[in-house]
Structure formats: structure tokens, C-alpha cells
Amino acid sequence: MAKKKFYSFEKAREYVHTLKLKGVKEWNQYTKSKDFPDFLPKRPEGTYKEEWKGATDWVGGTHKK
């Protein structure tokens, strides 16, 4: 089975921020939706081990001003 090709961490996180999710619970719901894109990993903490800074960073919570 071929390995999926995901966006880079920066590009993927940028995309996730555009979704305006309110937290990890909404992220988990989104990963189960039929609209979940192929270019995002459902478990980004495993895919982006080197860059991972936590779920709040991933969904955009630390970027609110």
C-alpha cells in the first residue's frame, strides 16, 4: 500500500487554522467527516513528530489575538 502524501506541517497547520475549529473535540469530529481531505493526516502528532507543538497550536488556539 502506498504511503499517503500529506501537506508539509506548515501548510497543513495553515489550512487547519482556516477551518476556525474551537478545539481538539471539533478536530476529532472533523477527522470523521466525509469532507476530510486526503492531504491532512488524521493523527498529525504522529505524522509531524518533529514539528508538533500540541493540539492547541494545531487547531489555532495559540494564534488568537
PDB file of N, CA and C in Angstrom:
ATOM      1  N   MET A   1       0.839  -1.183   0.000  1.00  0.00           N
ATOM      2  CA  MET A   1       0.000   0.000   0.000  1.00  0.00           C
ATOM      3  C   MET A   1       0.885   1.248   0.000  1.00  0.00           C
ATOM      4  N   ALA A   2       0.587   2.188  -0.850  1.00  0.00           N
ATOM      5  CA  ALA A   2       1.387   3.396  -0.970  1.00  0.00           C
ATOM      6  C   ALA A   2       1.151   4.331   0.218  1.00  0.00           C
ATOM      7  N   LYS A   3       2.224   4.987   0.632  1.00  0.00           N
ATOM      8  CA  LYS A   3       2.122   5.934   1.740  1.00  0.00           C
ATOM      9  C   LYS A   3       1.445   7.207   1.231  1.00  0.00           C
ATOM     10  N   LYS A   4       0.533   7.734   2.042  1.00  0.00           N
ATOM     11  CA  LYS A   4      -0.178   8.956   1.651  1.00  0.00           C
ATOM     12  C   LYS A   4       0.786  10.132   1.634  1.00  0.00           C
ATOM     13  N   LYS A   5       0.532  11.058   0.716  1.00  0.00           N
ATOM     14  CA  LYS A   5       1.330  12.273   0.615  1.00  0.00           C
ATOM     15  C   LYS A   5       0.548  13.408   1.258  1.00  0.00           C
ATOM     16  N   PHE A   6       1.031  13.843   2.412  1.00  0.00           N
ATOM     17  CA  PHE A   6       0.377  14.923   3.142  1.00  0.00           C
ATOM     18  C   PHE A   6       1.060  16.259   2.876  1.00  0.00           C
ATOM     19  N   TYR A   7       0.329  17.324   3.123  1.00  0.00           N
ATOM     20  CA  TYR A   7       0.918  18.662   3.089  1.00  0.00           C
ATOM     21  C   TYR A   7       2.068  18.719   4.086  1.00  0.00           C
ATOM     22  N   SER A   8       2.968  19.672   3.871  1.00  0.00           N
ATOM     23  CA  SER A   8       4.013  19.930   4.869  1.00  0.00           C
ATOM     24  C   SER A   8       3.319  20.371   6.154  1.00  0.00           C
ATOM     25  N   PHE A   9       4.020  20.300   7.280  1.00  0.00           N
ATOM     26  CA  PHE A   9       3.436  20.701   8.554  1.00  0.00           C
ATOM     27  C   PHE A   9       2.900  22.131   8.486  1.00  0.00           C
ATOM     28  N   GLU A  10       3.721  23.047   7.999  1.00  0.00           N
ATOM     29  CA  GLU A  10       3.319  24.460   7.955  1.00  0.00           C
ATOM     30  C   GLU A  10       2.068  24.665   7.108  1.00  0.00           C
ATOM     31  N   LYS A  11       2.044  24.055   5.941  1.00  0.00           N
ATOM     32  CA  LYS A  11       0.903  24.207   5.036  1.00  0.00           C
ATOM     33  C   LYS A  11      -0.353  23.555   5.626  1.00  0.00           C
ATOM     34  N   ALA A  12      -0.183  22.396   6.231  1.00  0.00           N
ATOM     35  CA  ALA A  12      -1.315  21.686   6.835  1.00  0.00           C
ATOM     36  C   ALA A  12      -1.881  22.481   8.006  1.00  0.00           C
ATOM     37  N   ARG A  13      -1.004  22.983   8.868  1.00  0.00           N
ATOM     38  CA  ARG A  13      -1.457  23.752  10.023  1.00  0.00           C
ATOM     39  C   ARG A  13      -2.153  25.036   9.570  1.00  0.00           C
ATOM     40  N   GLU A  14      -1.610  25.677   8.554  1.00  0.00           N
ATOM     41  CA  GLU A  14      -2.240  26.879   7.994  1.00  0.00           C
ATOM     42  C   GLU A  14      -3.663  26.564   7.517  1.00  0.00           C
ATOM     43  N   TYR A  15      -3.809  25.456   6.824  1.00  0.00           N
ATOM     44  CA  TYR A  15      -5.126  25.039   6.339  1.00  0.00           C
ATOM     45  C   TYR A  15      -6.079  24.779   7.505  1.00  0.00           C
ATOM     46  N   VAL A  16      -5.606  24.072   8.522  1.00  0.00           N
ATOM     47  CA  VAL A  16      -6.445  23.753   9.682  1.00  0.00           C
ATOM     48  C   VAL A  16      -6.893  25.049  10.370  1.00  0.00           C
ATOM     49  N   HIS A  17      -6.016  26.033  10.442  1.00  0.00           N
ATOM     50  CA  HIS A  17      -6.384  27.312  11.058  1.00  0.00           C
ATOM     51  C   HIS A  17      -7.529  27.986  10.304  1.00  0.00           C
ATOM     52  N   THR A  18      -7.607  27.805   8.990  1.00  0.00           N
ATOM     53  CA  THR A  18      -8.692  28.420   8.211  1.00  0.00           C
ATOM     54  C   THR A  18     -10.051  27.801   8.540  1.00  0.00           C
ATOM     55  N   LEU A  19     -10.038  26.620   9.144  1.00  0.00           N
ATOM     56  CA  LEU A  19     -11.292  25.937   9.493  1.00  0.00           C
ATOM     57  C   LEU A  19     -11.967  26.554  10.714  1.00  0.00           C
ATOM     58  N   LYS A  20     -11.201  27.337  11.480  1.00  0.00           N
ATOM     59  CA  LYS A  20     -11.726  28.018  12.678  1.00  0.00           C
ATOM     60  C   LYS A  20     -12.341  27.033  13.679  1.00  0.00           C
ATOM     61  N   LEU A  21     -11.668  25.903  13.871  1.00  0.00           N
ATOM     62  CA  LEU A  21     -12.139  24.918  14.841  1.00  0.00           C
ATOM     63  C   LEU A  21     -11.938  25.468  16.249  1.00  0.00           C
ATOM     64  N   LYS A  22     -12.817  25.086  17.146  1.00  0.00           N
ATOM     65  CA  LYS A  22     -12.767  25.625  18.503  1.00  0.00           C
ATOM     66  C   LYS A  22     -11.969  24.758  19.476  1.00  0.00           C
ATOM     67  N   GLY A  23     -11.369  23.697  18.999  1.00  0.00           N
ATOM     68  CA  GLY A  23     -10.558  22.866  19.882  1.00  0.00           C
ATOM     69  C   GLY A  23     -10.389  21.456  19.366  1.00  0.00           C
ATOM     70  N   VAL A  24      -9.795  20.647  20.207  1.00  0.00           N
ATOM     71  CA  VAL A  24      -9.477  19.257  19.850  1.00  0.00           C
ATOM     72  C   VAL A  24     -10.740  18.447  19.574  1.00  0.00           C
ATOM     73  N   LYS A  25     -11.784  18.695  20.346  1.00  0.00           N
ATOM     74  CA  LYS A  25     -13.030  17.953  20.142  1.00  0.00           C
ATOM     75  C   LYS A  25     -13.559  18.184  18.724  1.00  0.00           C
ATOM     76  N   GLU A  26     -13.536  19.434  18.272  1.00  0.00           N
ATOM     77  CA  GLU A  26     -14.003  19.733  16.907  1.00  0.00           C
ATOM     78  C   GLU A  26     -13.065  19.139  15.863  1.00  0.00           C
ATOM     79  N   TRP A  27     -11.760  19.124  16.141  1.00  0.00           N
ATOM     80  CA  TRP A  27     -10.812  18.493  15.224  1.00  0.00           C
ATOM     81  C   TRP A  27     -11.148  17.006  15.075  1.00  0.00           C
ATOM     82  N   ASN A  28     -11.375  16.343  16.193  1.00  0.00           N
ATOM     83  CA  ASN A  28     -11.698  14.909  16.156  1.00  0.00           C
ATOM     84  C   ASN A  28     -12.984  14.648  15.379  1.00  0.00           C
ATOM     85  N   GLN A  29     -13.974  15.515  15.530  1.00  0.00           N
ATOM     86  CA  GLN A  29     -15.217  15.377  14.762  1.00  0.00           C
ATOM     87  C   GLN A  29     -14.938  15.580  13.274  1.00  0.00           C
ATOM     88  N   TYR A  30     -14.113  16.567  12.968  1.00  0.00           N
ATOM     89  CA  TYR A  30     -13.777  16.866  11.571  1.00  0.00           C
ATOM     90  C   TYR A  30     -13.065  15.687  10.904  1.00  0.00           C
ATOM     91  N   THR A  31     -12.185  15.012  11.629  1.00  0.00           N
ATOM     92  CA  THR A  31     -11.458  13.883  11.027  1.00  0.00           C
ATOM     93  C   THR A  31     -12.388  12.744  10.631  1.00  0.00           C
ATOM     94  N   LYS A  32     -13.576  12.707  11.212  1.00  0.00           N
ATOM     95  CA  LYS A  32     -14.547  11.648  10.908  1.00  0.00           C
ATOM     96  C   LYS A  32     -15.555  12.055   9.836  1.00  0.00           C
ATOM     97  N   SER A  33     -15.475  13.312   9.383  1.00  0.00           N
ATOM     98  CA  SER A  33     -16.452  13.792   8.406  1.00  0.00           C
ATOM     99  C   SER A  33     -16.113  13.295   7.001  1.00  0.00           C
ATOM    100  N   LYS A  34     -17.123  13.231   6.169  1.00  0.00           N
ATOM    101  CA  LYS A  34     -16.912  12.786   4.778  1.00  0.00           C
ATOM    102  C   LYS A  34     -16.126  13.819   3.982  1.00  0.00           C
ATOM    103  N   ASP A  35     -16.051  15.041   4.494  1.00  0.00           N
ATOM    104  CA  ASP A  35     -15.326  16.111   3.803  1.00  0.00           C
ATOM    105  C   ASP A  35     -13.852  16.202   4.188  1.00  0.00           C
ATOM    106  N   PHE A  36     -13.384  15.294   5.045  1.00  0.00           N
ATOM    107  CA  PHE A  36     -11.981  15.352   5.483  1.00  0.00           C
ATOM    108  C   PHE A  36     -11.060  15.123   4.287  1.00  0.00           C
ATOM    109  N   PRO A  37     -10.127  16.059   4.042  1.00  0.00           N
ATOM    110  CA  PRO A  37      -9.270  15.956   2.848  1.00  0.00           C
ATOM    111  C   PRO A  37      -8.145  14.926   2.973  1.00  0.00           C
ATOM    112  N   ASP A  38      -7.719  14.406   1.837  1.00  0.00           N
ATOM    113  CA  ASP A  38      -6.635  13.415   1.785  1.00  0.00           C
ATOM    114  C   ASP A  38      -5.272  14.002   2.156  1.00  0.00           C
ATOM    115  N   PHE A  39      -5.118  15.308   2.026  1.00  0.00           N
ATOM    116  CA  PHE A  39      -3.808  15.924   2.248  1.00  0.00           C
ATOM    117  C   PHE A  39      -3.508  16.229   3.720  1.00  0.00           C
ATOM    118  N   LEU A  40      -4.445  15.904   4.616  1.00  0.00           N
ATOM    119  CA  LEU A  40      -4.222  16.090   6.049  1.00  0.00           C
ATOM    120  C   LEU A  40      -4.196  14.736   6.750  1.00  0.00           C
ATOM    121  N   PRO A  41      -3.268  14.560   7.693  1.00  0.00           N
ATOM    122  CA  PRO A  41      -3.280  13.326   8.483  1.00  0.00           C
ATOM    123  C   PRO A  41      -4.319  13.428   9.593  1.00  0.00           C
ATOM    124  N   LYS A  42      -4.978  12.348   9.894  1.00  0.00           N
ATOM    125  CA  LYS A  42      -5.961  12.363  10.984  1.00  0.00           C
ATOM    126  C   LYS A  42      -5.272  12.423  12.344  1.00  0.00           C
ATOM    127  N   ARG A  43      -4.037  11.951  12.403  1.00  0.00           N
ATOM    128  CA  ARG A  43      -3.254  11.985  13.647  1.00  0.00           C
ATOM    129  C   ARG A  43      -1.963  12.763  13.373  1.00  0.00           C
ATOM    130  N   PRO A  44      -2.073  14.080  13.327  1.00  0.00           N
ATOM    131  CA  PRO A  44      -0.907  14.898  12.970  1.00  0.00           C
ATOM    132  C   PRO A  44       0.252  14.804  13.954  1.00  0.00           C
ATOM    133  N   GLU A  45      -0.042  14.483  15.210  1.00  0.00           N
ATOM    134  CA  GLU A  45       1.031  14.371  16.202  1.00  0.00           C
ATOM    135  C   GLU A  45       2.017  13.258  15.862  1.00  0.00           C
ATOM    136  N   GLY A  46       1.548  12.249  15.145  1.00  0.00           N
ATOM    137  CA  GLY A  46       2.429  11.165  14.709  1.00  0.00           C
ATOM    138  C   GLY A  46       3.126  11.474  13.400  1.00  0.00           C
ATOM    139  N   THR A  47       2.401  12.098  12.496  1.00  0.00           N
ATOM    140  CA  THR A  47       2.952  12.427  11.179  1.00  0.00           C
ATOM    141  C   THR A  47       4.000  13.527  11.260  1.00  0.00           C
ATOM    142  N   TYR A  48       3.757  14.507  12.101  1.00  0.00           N
ATOM    143  CA  TYR A  48       4.654  15.666  12.213  1.00  0.00           C
ATOM    144  C   TYR A  48       5.372  15.686  13.571  1.00  0.00           C
ATOM    145  N   LYS A  49       5.963  14.566  13.955  1.00  0.00           N
ATOM    146  CA  LYS A  49       6.601  14.434  15.268  1.00  0.00           C
ATOM    147  C   LYS A  49       7.612  15.543  15.558  1.00  0.00           C
ATOM    148  N   GLU A  50       8.406  15.883  14.574  1.00  0.00           N
ATOM    149  CA  GLU A  50       9.464  16.883  14.766  1.00  0.00           C
ATOM    150  C   GLU A  50       8.901  18.284  15.005  1.00  0.00           C
ATOM    151  N   GLU A  51       7.840  18.633  14.299  1.00  0.00           N
ATOM    152  CA  GLU A  51       7.292  19.987  14.354  1.00  0.00           C
ATOM    153  C   GLU A  51       6.179  20.155  15.385  1.00  0.00           C
ATOM    154  N   TRP A  52       5.632  19.060  15.875  1.00  0.00           N
ATOM    155  CA  TRP A  52       4.436  19.076  16.719  1.00  0.00           C
ATOM    156  C   TRP A  52       4.640  19.893  17.995  1.00  0.00           C
ATOM    157  N   LYS A  53       3.731  20.843  18.240  1.00  0.00           N
ATOM    158  CA  LYS A  53       3.802  21.687  19.431  1.00  0.00           C
ATOM    159  C   LYS A  53       2.553  21.550  20.286  1.00  0.00           C
ATOM    160  N   GLY A  54       1.669  20.639  19.899  1.00  0.00           N
ATOM    161  CA  GLY A  54       0.457  20.410  20.672  1.00  0.00           C
ATOM    162  C   GLY A  54      -0.803  20.687  19.874  1.00  0.00           C
ATOM    163  N   ALA A  55      -1.900  20.165  20.385  1.00  0.00           N
ATOM    164  CA  ALA A  55      -3.182  20.275  19.686  1.00  0.00           C
ATOM    165  C   ALA A  55      -3.679  21.709  19.596  1.00  0.00           C
ATOM    166  N   THR A  56      -3.426  22.516  20.619  1.00  0.00           N
ATOM    167  CA  THR A  56      -3.881  23.904  20.597  1.00  0.00           C
ATOM    168  C   THR A  56      -3.197  24.659  19.466  1.00  0.00           C
ATOM    169  N   ASP A  57      -1.919  24.436  19.295  1.00  0.00           N
ATOM    170  CA  ASP A  57      -1.168  25.046  18.196  1.00  0.00           C
ATOM    171  C   ASP A  57      -1.727  24.569  16.855  1.00  0.00           C
ATOM    172  N   TRP A  58      -2.043  23.294  16.758  1.00  0.00           N
ATOM    173  CA  TRP A  58      -2.539  22.710  15.516  1.00  0.00           C
ATOM    174  C   TRP A  58      -3.868  23.309  15.079  1.00  0.00           C
ATOM    175  N   VAL A  59      -4.809  23.436  16.003  1.00  0.00           N
ATOM    176  CA  VAL A  59      -6.140  23.952  15.621  1.00  0.00           C
ATOM    177  C   VAL A  59      -6.204  25.472  15.597  1.00  0.00           C
ATOM    178  N   GLY A  60      -5.180  26.125  16.154  1.00  0.00           N
ATOM    179  CA  GLY A  60      -5.120  27.578  16.048  1.00  0.00           C
ATOM    180  C   GLY A  60      -5.351  28.356  17.313  1.00  0.00           C
ATOM    181  N   GLY A  61      -5.474  27.683  18.430  1.00  0.00           N
ATOM    182  CA  GLY A  61      -5.758  28.355  19.679  1.00  0.00           C
ATOM    183  C   GLY A  61      -4.694  29.329  20.160  1.00  0.00           C
ATOM    184  N   THR A  62      -3.430  29.075  19.808  1.00  0.00           N
ATOM    185  CA  THR A  62      -2.373  29.953  20.291  1.00  0.00           C
ATOM    186  C   THR A  62      -2.189  31.180  19.409  1.00  0.00           C
ATOM    187  N   HIS A  63      -2.918  31.251  18.321  1.00  0.00           N
ATOM    188  CA  HIS A  63      -2.741  32.358  17.382  1.00  0.00           C
ATOM    189  C   HIS A  63      -3.819  33.416  17.486  1.00  0.00           C
ATOM    190  N   LYS A  64      -4.692  33.295  18.474  1.00  0.00           N
ATOM    191  CA  LYS A  64      -5.739  34.289  18.648  1.00  0.00           C
ATOM    192  C   LYS A  64      -5.151  35.538  19.283  1.00  0.00           C
ATOM    193  N   LYS A  65      -5.602  36.688  18.815  1.00  0.00           N
ATOM    194  CA  LYS A  65      -5.089  37.950  19.363  1.00  0.00           C
ATOM    195  C   LYS A  65      -6.189  38.727  20.018  1.00  0.00           C
TER     196      LYS A  65
END
